[in-house]
Amino acid sequence: MIPFIVTAFVAFLFYLVLVFGSGSVLFWSWEEIIAGVIIGLVTGVIARKIFCRSENYRMLHPVRLISILIYICGPFLVELTKANLDVAYRVITGNVRPGIIRLHSGMKSDLAITMLAHSITLTPGTLSVDVDEKNHDLFIHIIHLNEGDEKKEAFEAREIFSYMNIPAWIRRIAE
């Protein structure tokens, strides 16, 4: 019952954030609040086993939720901007040398690896292709491999993210 309640409540809050400022009751209309309750309940029924996989609700801690917002609005946004500029440069100049690399993530939890894989996939010019579940390594397709990089067996995460320490942020949030 707790996974259902938590999932429904989070879905309801997320819906309210999406429709913020469009009504007359505080910041929402009655129709939006009722629609949010219905959407939250339906989401709670469907996704309760996905959102709350076990009795471990550590990701609902307010400090972790604030850390996620800081991560998305800070280091990830910087890396995303840099990657967009890099991809634009490579498209204009034609300086493309694609390849697949093995990234040693150093992550221990499934959530941390998932967050890292999604962060990589959302960044232009990179795509998470596969995960080695035994070693927690990611296989990543990148738009440009430097000379000699194809001989490296595995990369460290700090070699992929050049400015901010994205893996440290993800480790702080999810592990």
N, C-alpha and C. Protein backbone atom coordinates (compact mmCIF):
# COMPACT_ATOMS: atom_id res chain seq x y z
N MET A 1 0.81 -1.20 0.00
CA MET A 1 0.00 0.00 0.00
C MET A 1 0.86 1.27 0.00
N ILE A 2 2.00 1.22 0.71
CA ILE A 2 2.87 2.40 0.76
C ILE A 2 3.43 2.74 -0.62
N PRO A 3 3.90 1.76 -1.43
CA PRO A 3 4.37 2.12 -2.77
C PRO A 3 3.30 2.81 -3.62
N PHE A 4 2.05 2.35 -3.50
CA PHE A 4 0.95 2.98 -4.24
C PHE A 4 0.77 4.43 -3.81
N ILE A 5 0.73 4.67 -2.50
CA ILE A 5 0.51 6.02 -1.98
C ILE A 5 1.66 6.94 -2.39
N VAL A 6 2.88 6.47 -2.23
CA VAL A 6 4.04 7.31 -2.57
C VAL A 6 4.05 7.62 -4.06
N THR A 7 3.82 6.63 -4.91
CA THR A 7 3.84 6.84 -6.35
C THR A 7 2.71 7.77 -6.78
N ALA A 8 1.52 7.56 -6.25
CA ALA A 8 0.39 8.42 -6.61
C ALA A 8 0.64 9.86 -6.17
N PHE A 9 1.18 10.05 -4.97
CA PHE A 9 1.43 11.40 -4.46
C PHE A 9 2.50 12.11 -5.29
N VAL A 10 3.57 11.42 -5.62
CA VAL A 10 4.63 12.03 -6.43
C VAL A 10 4.11 12.36 -7.82
N ALA A 11 3.32 11.49 -8.42
CA ALA A 11 2.74 11.76 -9.74
C ALA A 11 1.80 12.96 -9.68
N PHE A 12 1.02 13.06 -8.61
CA PHE A 12 0.12 14.20 -8.43
C PHE A 12 0.92 15.50 -8.31
N LEU A 13 1.97 15.50 -7.50
CA LEU A 13 2.80 16.70 -7.35
C LEU A 13 3.47 17.08 -8.66
N PHE A 14 3.96 16.07 -9.39
CA PHE A 14 4.60 16.34 -10.67
C PHE A 14 3.60 16.97 -11.64
N TYR A 15 2.38 16.47 -11.66
CA TYR A 15 1.35 17.04 -12.52
C TYR A 15 1.07 18.50 -12.14
N LEU A 16 0.99 18.76 -10.83
CA LEU A 16 0.74 20.13 -10.39
C LEU A 16 1.87 21.07 -10.80
N VAL A 17 3.08 20.60 -10.78
CA VAL A 17 4.21 21.42 -11.22
C VAL A 17 4.09 21.72 -12.71
N LEU A 18 3.66 20.74 -13.49
CA LEU A 18 3.55 20.94 -14.94
C LEU A 18 2.46 21.94 -15.32
N VAL A 19 1.39 22.02 -14.54
CA VAL A 19 0.29 22.92 -14.88
C VAL A 19 0.24 24.14 -13.96
N PHE A 20 1.35 24.46 -13.35
CA PHE A 20 1.44 25.55 -12.38
C PHE A 20 1.05 26.88 -13.02
N GLY A 21 0.22 27.64 -12.28
CA GLY A 21 -0.10 29.00 -12.68
C GLY A 21 -1.19 29.14 -13.71
N SER A 22 -1.99 28.13 -13.93
CA SER A 22 -2.99 28.24 -14.98
C SER A 22 -4.43 28.22 -14.46
N GLY A 23 -4.62 28.46 -13.17
CA GLY A 23 -5.97 28.39 -12.63
C GLY A 23 -6.27 29.48 -11.62
N SER A 24 -7.41 29.31 -10.94
CA SER A 24 -7.87 30.34 -10.02
C SER A 24 -7.83 29.90 -8.55
N VAL A 25 -7.70 28.61 -8.27
CA VAL A 25 -7.61 28.12 -6.89
C VAL A 25 -6.13 28.02 -6.57
N LEU A 26 -5.63 28.98 -5.79
CA LEU A 26 -4.19 29.14 -5.61
C LEU A 26 -3.58 29.32 -6.99
N PHE A 27 -2.97 28.31 -7.54
CA PHE A 27 -2.37 28.42 -8.87
C PHE A 27 -2.97 27.45 -9.87
N TRP A 28 -4.02 26.72 -9.46
CA TRP A 28 -4.62 25.71 -10.32
C TRP A 28 -6.14 25.87 -10.31
N SER A 29 -6.78 25.31 -11.33
CA SER A 29 -8.24 25.28 -11.34
C SER A 29 -8.70 23.98 -10.71
N TRP A 30 -9.97 23.92 -10.35
CA TRP A 30 -10.52 22.69 -9.74
C TRP A 30 -10.43 21.52 -10.71
N GLU A 31 -10.64 21.79 -11.97
CA GLU A 31 -10.57 20.73 -12.97
C GLU A 31 -9.16 20.13 -13.04
N GLU A 32 -8.16 21.00 -12.95
CA GLU A 32 -6.77 20.51 -12.97
C GLU A 32 -6.43 19.70 -11.73
N ILE A 33 -6.93 20.12 -10.58
CA ILE A 33 -6.68 19.38 -9.34
C ILE A 33 -7.34 18.00 -9.42
N ILE A 34 -8.59 17.96 -9.91
CA ILE A 34 -9.28 16.67 -10.04
C ILE A 34 -8.56 15.78 -11.07
N ALA A 35 -8.16 16.37 -12.19
CA ALA A 35 -7.41 15.60 -13.20
C ALA A 35 -6.09 15.10 -12.61
N GLY A 36 -5.42 15.92 -11.81
CA GLY A 36 -4.17 15.50 -11.17
C GLY A 36 -4.37 14.35 -10.22
N VAL A 37 -5.47 14.37 -9.46
CA VAL A 37 -5.77 13.27 -8.54
C VAL A 37 -6.01 11.98 -9.33
N ILE A 38 -6.78 12.08 -10.39
CA ILE A 38 -7.07 10.89 -11.22
C ILE A 38 -5.79 10.36 -11.86
N ILE A 39 -5.00 11.25 -12.44
CA ILE A 39 -3.74 10.83 -13.06
C ILE A 39 -2.80 10.23 -12.02
N GLY A 40 -2.74 10.84 -10.83
CA GLY A 40 -1.91 10.30 -9.76
C GLY A 40 -2.35 8.91 -9.34
N LEU A 41 -3.66 8.69 -9.19
CA LEU A 41 -4.16 7.37 -8.79
C LEU A 41 -3.88 6.31 -9.86
N VAL A 42 -4.12 6.67 -11.12
CA VAL A 42 -3.85 5.72 -12.21
C VAL A 42 -2.35 5.40 -12.27
N THR A 43 -1.52 6.42 -12.15
CA THR A 43 -0.07 6.21 -12.16
C THR A 43 0.35 5.36 -10.97
N GLY A 44 -0.27 5.60 -9.81
CA GLY A 44 0.05 4.80 -8.62
C GLY A 44 -0.26 3.33 -8.81
N VAL A 45 -1.36 3.03 -9.48
CA VAL A 45 -1.72 1.63 -9.73
C VAL A 45 -0.74 1.00 -10.72
N ILE A 46 -0.41 1.72 -11.78
CA ILE A 46 0.42 1.16 -12.84
C ILE A 46 1.89 1.08 -12.45
N ALA A 47 2.42 2.13 -11.82
CA ALA A 47 3.87 2.24 -11.65
C ALA A 47 4.36 2.02 -10.22
N ARG A 48 3.53 1.53 -9.32
CA ARG A 48 3.95 1.41 -7.92
C ARG A 48 5.12 0.45 -7.74
N LYS A 49 5.19 -0.59 -8.54
CA LYS A 49 6.28 -1.56 -8.40
C LYS A 49 7.54 -1.09 -9.11
N ILE A 50 7.41 -0.13 -9.99
CA ILE A 50 8.57 0.41 -10.69
C ILE A 50 9.18 1.55 -9.88
N PHE A 51 8.35 2.47 -9.43
CA PHE A 51 8.84 3.64 -8.70
C PHE A 51 9.35 3.28 -7.31
N CYS A 52 8.68 2.38 -6.64
CA CYS A 52 9.09 1.94 -5.30
C CYS A 52 9.35 0.44 -5.36
N ARG A 53 10.55 0.08 -5.77
CA ARG A 53 10.86 -1.33 -6.00
C ARG A 53 11.00 -2.13 -4.71
N SER A 54 11.36 -1.49 -3.63
CA SER A 54 11.54 -2.21 -2.38
C SER A 54 11.12 -1.30 -1.24
N GLU A 55 11.42 -1.72 -0.05
CA GLU A 55 11.10 -0.90 1.12
C GLU A 55 12.12 0.22 1.31
N ASN A 56 12.99 0.41 0.36
CA ASN A 56 14.02 1.42 0.44
C ASN A 56 13.52 2.70 -0.24
N TYR A 57 13.13 3.68 0.55
CA TYR A 57 12.59 4.93 0.02
C TYR A 57 13.59 6.07 0.17
N ARG A 58 14.87 5.77 0.08
CA ARG A 58 15.88 6.79 0.31
C ARG A 58 15.85 7.90 -0.72
N MET A 59 15.37 7.61 -1.93
CA MET A 59 15.33 8.65 -2.96
C MET A 59 14.25 9.69 -2.70
N LEU A 60 13.38 9.44 -1.75
CA LEU A 60 12.35 10.42 -1.42
C LEU A 60 12.80 11.40 -0.35
N HIS A 61 14.01 11.26 0.12
CA HIS A 61 14.55 12.16 1.13
C HIS A 61 14.69 13.55 0.50
N PRO A 62 14.24 14.61 1.19
CA PRO A 62 14.28 15.96 0.60
C PRO A 62 15.67 16.41 0.16
N VAL A 63 16.71 16.02 0.90
CA VAL A 63 18.07 16.42 0.51
C VAL A 63 18.45 15.80 -0.83
N ARG A 64 18.07 14.55 -1.05
CA ARG A 64 18.37 13.90 -2.34
C ARG A 64 17.57 14.54 -3.47
N LEU A 65 16.32 14.89 -3.20
CA LEU A 65 15.50 15.53 -4.24
C LEU A 65 16.06 16.90 -4.61
N ILE A 66 16.52 17.66 -3.63
CA ILE A 66 17.14 18.96 -3.90
C ILE A 66 18.45 18.76 -4.65
N SER A 67 19.21 17.71 -4.28
CA SER A 67 20.46 17.42 -4.98
C SER A 67 20.22 17.10 -6.45
N ILE A 68 19.13 16.39 -6.74
CA ILE A 68 18.80 16.09 -8.14
C ILE A 68 18.52 17.38 -8.91
N LEU A 69 17.77 18.30 -8.31
CA LEU A 69 17.49 19.58 -8.97
C LEU A 69 18.77 20.38 -9.20
N ILE A 70 19.64 20.42 -8.20
CA ILE A 70 20.91 21.13 -8.35
C ILE A 70 21.75 20.48 -9.44
N TYR A 71 21.78 19.15 -9.47
CA TYR A 71 22.55 18.43 -10.49
C TYR A 71 22.04 18.75 -11.89
N ILE A 72 20.72 18.73 -12.07
CA ILE A 72 20.15 18.96 -13.40
C ILE A 72 20.37 20.41 -13.84
N CYS A 73 20.18 21.36 -12.92
CA CYS A 73 20.30 22.77 -13.27
C CYS A 73 21.75 23.27 -13.26
N GLY A 74 22.66 22.52 -12.71
CA GLY A 74 24.05 22.94 -12.61
C GLY A 74 24.97 22.16 -13.52
N PRO A 75 25.64 21.14 -12.96
CA PRO A 75 26.67 20.43 -13.73
C PRO A 75 26.14 19.77 -15.00
N PHE A 76 24.96 19.17 -14.94
CA PHE A 76 24.45 18.51 -16.14
C PHE A 76 24.13 19.52 -17.23
N LEU A 77 23.57 20.67 -16.87
CA LEU A 77 23.26 21.70 -17.86
C LEU A 77 24.54 22.24 -18.50
N VAL A 78 25.61 22.38 -17.71
CA VAL A 78 26.89 22.83 -18.26
C VAL A 78 27.42 21.80 -19.27
N GLU A 79 27.42 20.52 -18.89
CA GLU A 79 27.90 19.47 -19.79
C GLU A 79 27.02 19.38 -21.04
N LEU A 80 25.73 19.54 -20.87
CA LEU A 80 24.80 19.49 -22.00
C LEU A 80 25.08 20.62 -22.99
N THR A 81 25.32 21.81 -22.47
CA THR A 81 25.62 22.96 -23.32
C THR A 81 26.94 22.75 -24.06
N LYS A 82 27.96 22.29 -23.34
CA LYS A 82 29.25 22.03 -23.98
C LYS A 82 29.12 20.97 -25.07
N ALA A 83 28.34 19.92 -24.80
CA ALA A 83 28.17 18.85 -25.78
C ALA A 83 27.42 19.35 -27.01
N ASN A 84 26.43 20.20 -26.82
CA ASN A 84 25.72 20.77 -27.97
C ASN A 84 26.65 21.59 -28.85
N LEU A 85 27.49 22.41 -28.23
CA LEU A 85 28.44 23.22 -28.99
C LEU A 85 29.45 22.33 -29.71
N ASP A 86 29.91 21.27 -29.05
CA ASP A 86 30.86 20.35 -29.65
C ASP A 86 30.25 19.62 -30.85
N VAL A 87 29.02 19.16 -30.71
CA VAL A 87 28.36 18.46 -31.82
C VAL A 87 28.13 19.43 -32.98
N ALA A 88 27.72 20.66 -32.68
CA ALA A 88 27.53 21.64 -33.75
C ALA A 88 28.84 21.89 -34.48
N TYR A 89 29.93 22.03 -33.75
CA TYR A 89 31.25 22.22 -34.36
C TYR A 89 31.61 21.03 -35.25
N ARG A 90 31.38 19.83 -34.75
CA ARG A 90 31.76 18.62 -35.51
C ARG A 90 30.90 18.46 -36.77
N VAL A 91 29.63 18.85 -36.69
CA VAL A 91 28.76 18.76 -37.86
C VAL A 91 29.19 19.78 -38.91
N ILE A 92 29.52 20.98 -38.47
CA ILE A 92 29.92 22.03 -39.41
C ILE A 92 31.25 21.71 -40.07
N THR A 93 32.21 21.23 -39.28
CA THR A 93 33.55 20.98 -39.81
C THR A 93 33.69 19.59 -40.42
N GLY A 94 32.80 18.69 -40.09
CA GLY A 94 32.90 17.31 -40.58
C GLY A 94 33.95 16.50 -39.84
N ASN A 95 34.41 16.99 -38.72
CA ASN A 95 35.43 16.32 -37.91
C ASN A 95 34.75 15.28 -37.01
N VAL A 96 34.39 14.16 -37.62
CA VAL A 96 33.68 13.10 -36.90
C VAL A 96 34.47 11.81 -37.03
N ARG A 97 34.68 11.16 -35.92
CA ARG A 97 35.37 9.86 -35.91
C ARG A 97 34.67 9.00 -34.85
N PRO A 98 33.51 8.44 -35.19
CA PRO A 98 32.70 7.74 -34.18
C PRO A 98 33.33 6.43 -33.73
N GLY A 99 32.92 6.02 -32.54
CA GLY A 99 33.39 4.75 -32.01
C GLY A 99 32.65 4.39 -30.73
N ILE A 100 32.84 3.15 -30.31
CA ILE A 100 32.23 2.67 -29.07
C ILE A 100 33.35 2.44 -28.06
N ILE A 101 33.15 2.97 -26.86
CA ILE A 101 34.15 2.83 -25.81
C ILE A 101 33.53 2.11 -24.61
N ARG A 102 34.39 1.55 -23.78
CA ARG A 102 33.96 0.93 -22.53
C ARG A 102 34.28 1.92 -21.42
N LEU A 103 33.26 2.29 -20.64
CA LEU A 103 33.41 3.26 -19.57
C LEU A 103 33.30 2.55 -18.23
N HIS A 104 34.35 2.60 -17.45
CA HIS A 104 34.30 2.05 -16.09
C HIS A 104 33.63 3.09 -15.21
N SER A 105 32.42 2.80 -14.77
CA SER A 105 31.63 3.79 -14.05
C SER A 105 32.00 3.91 -12.59
N GLY A 106 32.35 2.83 -11.96
CA GLY A 106 32.63 2.86 -10.54
C GLY A 106 31.38 2.92 -9.68
N MET A 107 30.21 2.84 -10.30
CA MET A 107 28.94 2.89 -9.57
C MET A 107 28.62 1.51 -9.02
N LYS A 108 27.92 1.47 -7.89
CA LYS A 108 27.56 0.20 -7.27
C LYS A 108 26.07 -0.12 -7.39
N SER A 109 25.22 0.89 -7.36
CA SER A 109 23.78 0.62 -7.37
C SER A 109 23.22 0.71 -8.79
N ASP A 110 22.13 0.01 -9.00
CA ASP A 110 21.48 0.04 -10.31
C ASP A 110 20.96 1.43 -10.64
N LEU A 111 20.45 2.12 -9.62
CA LEU A 111 19.93 3.47 -9.84
C LEU A 111 21.04 4.41 -10.30
N ALA A 112 22.21 4.32 -9.69
CA ALA A 112 23.32 5.19 -10.07
C ALA A 112 23.76 4.92 -11.51
N ILE A 113 23.85 3.65 -11.88
CA ILE A 113 24.24 3.30 -13.25
C ILE A 113 23.18 3.78 -14.23
N THR A 114 21.91 3.64 -13.86
CA THR A 114 20.84 4.10 -14.73
C THR A 114 20.90 5.62 -14.90
N MET A 115 21.13 6.35 -13.81
CA MET A 115 21.23 7.81 -13.91
C MET A 115 22.42 8.22 -14.79
N LEU A 116 23.55 7.54 -14.63
CA LEU A 116 24.72 7.86 -15.45
C LEU A 116 24.44 7.54 -16.92
N ALA A 117 23.83 6.39 -17.19
CA ALA A 117 23.52 6.01 -18.57
C ALA A 117 22.55 7.00 -19.21
N HIS A 118 21.56 7.44 -18.46
CA HIS A 118 20.61 8.42 -19.00
C HIS A 118 21.27 9.77 -19.21
N SER A 119 22.14 10.17 -18.28
CA SER A 119 22.86 11.44 -18.45
C SER A 119 23.72 11.41 -19.70
N ILE A 120 24.35 10.28 -19.95
CA ILE A 120 25.18 10.13 -21.15
C ILE A 120 24.32 10.14 -22.40
N THR A 121 23.21 9.42 -22.38
CA THR A 121 22.34 9.34 -23.56
C THR A 121 21.69 10.68 -23.87
N LEU A 122 21.35 11.46 -22.85
CA LEU A 122 20.73 12.76 -23.08
C LEU A 122 21.72 13.80 -23.60
N THR A 123 23.00 13.54 -23.44
CA THR A 123 24.02 14.46 -23.91
C THR A 123 24.26 14.22 -25.40
N PRO A 124 24.16 15.26 -26.23
CA PRO A 124 24.35 15.08 -27.67
C PRO A 124 25.74 14.54 -28.00
N GLY A 125 25.80 13.65 -28.96
CA GLY A 125 27.06 13.08 -29.40
C GLY A 125 27.43 11.81 -28.67
N THR A 126 26.65 11.41 -27.69
CA THR A 126 26.92 10.18 -26.95
C THR A 126 25.64 9.37 -26.82
N LEU A 127 25.81 8.07 -26.69
CA LEU A 127 24.67 7.18 -26.54
C LEU A 127 25.10 5.96 -25.75
N SER A 128 24.41 5.66 -24.67
CA SER A 128 24.68 4.44 -23.90
C SER A 128 24.11 3.27 -24.67
N VAL A 129 24.98 2.31 -25.00
CA VAL A 129 24.59 1.20 -25.85
C VAL A 129 24.29 -0.05 -25.03
N ASP A 130 25.13 -0.35 -24.04
CA ASP A 130 24.99 -1.58 -23.27
C ASP A 130 25.60 -1.39 -21.89
N VAL A 131 25.25 -2.31 -20.98
CA VAL A 131 25.79 -2.31 -19.62
C VAL A 131 26.35 -3.68 -19.32
N ASP A 132 27.57 -3.72 -18.82
CA ASP A 132 28.15 -4.95 -18.32
C ASP A 132 27.74 -5.05 -16.86
N GLU A 133 26.74 -5.89 -16.58
CA GLU A 133 26.17 -5.95 -15.24
C GLU A 133 27.14 -6.49 -14.20
N LYS A 134 28.09 -7.30 -14.63
CA LYS A 134 29.05 -7.88 -13.69
C LYS A 134 30.00 -6.81 -13.15
N ASN A 135 30.57 -6.00 -14.05
CA ASN A 135 31.54 -4.98 -13.67
C ASN A 135 30.95 -3.58 -13.55
N HIS A 136 29.67 -3.44 -13.88
CA HIS A 136 28.99 -2.14 -13.88
C HIS A 136 29.66 -1.15 -14.84
N ASP A 137 30.11 -1.66 -15.97
CA ASP A 137 30.70 -0.82 -17.00
C ASP A 137 29.64 -0.51 -18.06
N LEU A 138 29.78 0.66 -18.67
CA LEU A 138 28.88 1.07 -19.74
C LEU A 138 29.62 1.05 -21.07
N PHE A 139 28.93 0.67 -22.12
CA PHE A 139 29.46 0.77 -23.47
C PHE A 139 28.77 1.97 -24.11
N ILE A 140 29.57 2.93 -24.57
CA ILE A 140 29.04 4.20 -25.03
C ILE A 140 29.50 4.46 -26.46
N HIS A 141 28.57 4.85 -27.30
CA HIS A 141 28.91 5.30 -28.65
C HIS A 141 29.15 6.81 -28.57
N ILE A 142 30.32 7.24 -29.01
CA ILE A 142 30.63 8.67 -29.00
C ILE A 142 30.90 9.14 -30.42
N ILE A 143 30.71 10.43 -30.63
CA ILE A 143 30.79 10.99 -31.97
C ILE A 143 32.23 11.17 -32.44
N HIS A 144 33.17 11.29 -31.50
CA HIS A 144 34.55 11.52 -31.90
C HIS A 144 35.51 10.82 -30.95
N LEU A 145 36.28 9.88 -31.49
CA LEU A 145 37.35 9.21 -30.75
C LEU A 145 38.67 9.87 -31.11
N ASN A 146 39.46 10.21 -30.13
CA ASN A 146 40.78 10.78 -30.40
C ASN A 146 41.73 9.69 -30.89
N GLU A 147 42.80 10.10 -31.54
CA GLU A 147 43.81 9.16 -32.02
C GLU A 147 44.38 8.37 -30.84
N GLY A 148 44.45 7.06 -30.96
CA GLY A 148 45.00 6.21 -29.92
C GLY A 148 43.99 5.74 -28.89
N ASP A 149 42.81 6.38 -28.85
CA ASP A 149 41.79 5.98 -27.87
C ASP A 149 41.21 4.61 -28.17
N GLU A 150 41.25 4.20 -29.42
CA GLU A 150 40.67 2.89 -29.76
C GLU A 150 41.49 1.75 -29.15
N LYS A 151 42.71 2.02 -28.73
CA LYS A 151 43.56 0.98 -28.12
C LYS A 151 43.34 0.87 -26.61
N LYS A 152 42.66 1.86 -26.02
CA LYS A 152 42.41 1.80 -24.58
C LYS A 152 41.36 0.74 -24.28
N GLU A 153 41.59 0.01 -23.22
CA GLU A 153 40.65 -1.05 -22.85
C GLU A 153 39.39 -0.48 -22.21
N ALA A 154 39.56 0.51 -21.32
CA ALA A 154 38.41 1.12 -20.65
C ALA A 154 38.75 2.56 -20.31
N PHE A 155 37.73 3.38 -20.27
CA PHE A 155 37.87 4.78 -19.91
C PHE A 155 37.34 4.98 -18.50
N GLU A 156 37.83 5.99 -17.82
CA GLU A 156 37.27 6.40 -16.54
C GLU A 156 36.22 7.47 -16.82
N ALA A 157 35.25 7.59 -15.94
CA ALA A 157 34.15 8.53 -16.17
C ALA A 157 34.65 9.97 -16.27
N ARG A 158 35.70 10.33 -15.54
CA ARG A 158 36.21 11.70 -15.58
C ARG A 158 36.79 12.05 -16.95
N GLU A 159 37.14 11.05 -17.76
CA GLU A 159 37.67 11.29 -19.09
C GLU A 159 36.56 11.66 -20.08
N ILE A 160 35.35 11.27 -19.78
CA ILE A 160 34.22 11.56 -20.67
C ILE A 160 33.63 12.92 -20.35
N PHE A 161 33.41 13.19 -19.07
CA PHE A 161 32.86 14.47 -18.64
C PHE A 161 34.02 15.36 -18.24
N SER A 162 34.28 16.38 -19.05
CA SER A 162 35.51 17.13 -18.89
C SER A 162 35.46 18.21 -17.82
N TYR A 163 34.35 18.86 -17.60
CA TYR A 163 34.34 20.02 -16.72
C TYR A 163 33.85 19.69 -15.32
N MET A 164 32.63 19.24 -15.19
CA MET A 164 32.06 18.93 -13.89
C MET A 164 32.22 17.45 -13.62
N ASN A 165 32.28 17.09 -12.37
CA ASN A 165 32.43 15.69 -12.01
C ASN A 165 31.05 15.06 -11.90
N ILE A 166 30.47 14.75 -13.05
CA ILE A 166 29.12 14.19 -13.13
C ILE A 166 29.00 12.89 -12.33
N PRO A 167 29.91 11.93 -12.47
CA PRO A 167 29.78 10.69 -11.69
C PRO A 167 29.77 10.91 -10.18
N ALA A 168 30.52 11.90 -9.71
CA ALA A 168 30.52 12.18 -8.26
C ALA A 168 29.15 12.71 -7.83
N TRP A 169 28.53 13.53 -8.65
CA TRP A 169 27.19 14.03 -8.34
C TRP A 169 26.20 12.87 -8.30
N ILE A 170 26.27 12.01 -9.30
CA ILE A 170 25.34 10.88 -9.35
C ILE A 170 25.56 9.95 -8.17
N ARG A 171 26.81 9.70 -7.81
CA ARG A 171 27.12 8.86 -6.66
C ARG A 171 26.56 9.47 -5.38
N ARG A 172 26.68 10.79 -5.25
CA ARG A 172 26.18 11.50 -4.07
C ARG A 172 24.65 11.40 -3.98
N ILE A 173 23.99 11.42 -5.12
CA ILE A 173 22.53 11.38 -5.14
C ILE A 173 22.01 9.95 -4.94
N ALA A 174 22.54 9.00 -5.68
CA ALA A 174 21.91 7.69 -5.76
C ALA A 174 22.52 6.59 -4.90
N GLU A 175 23.72 6.77 -4.40
CA GLU A 175 24.32 5.69 -3.63
C GLU A 175 24.39 6.03 -2.16
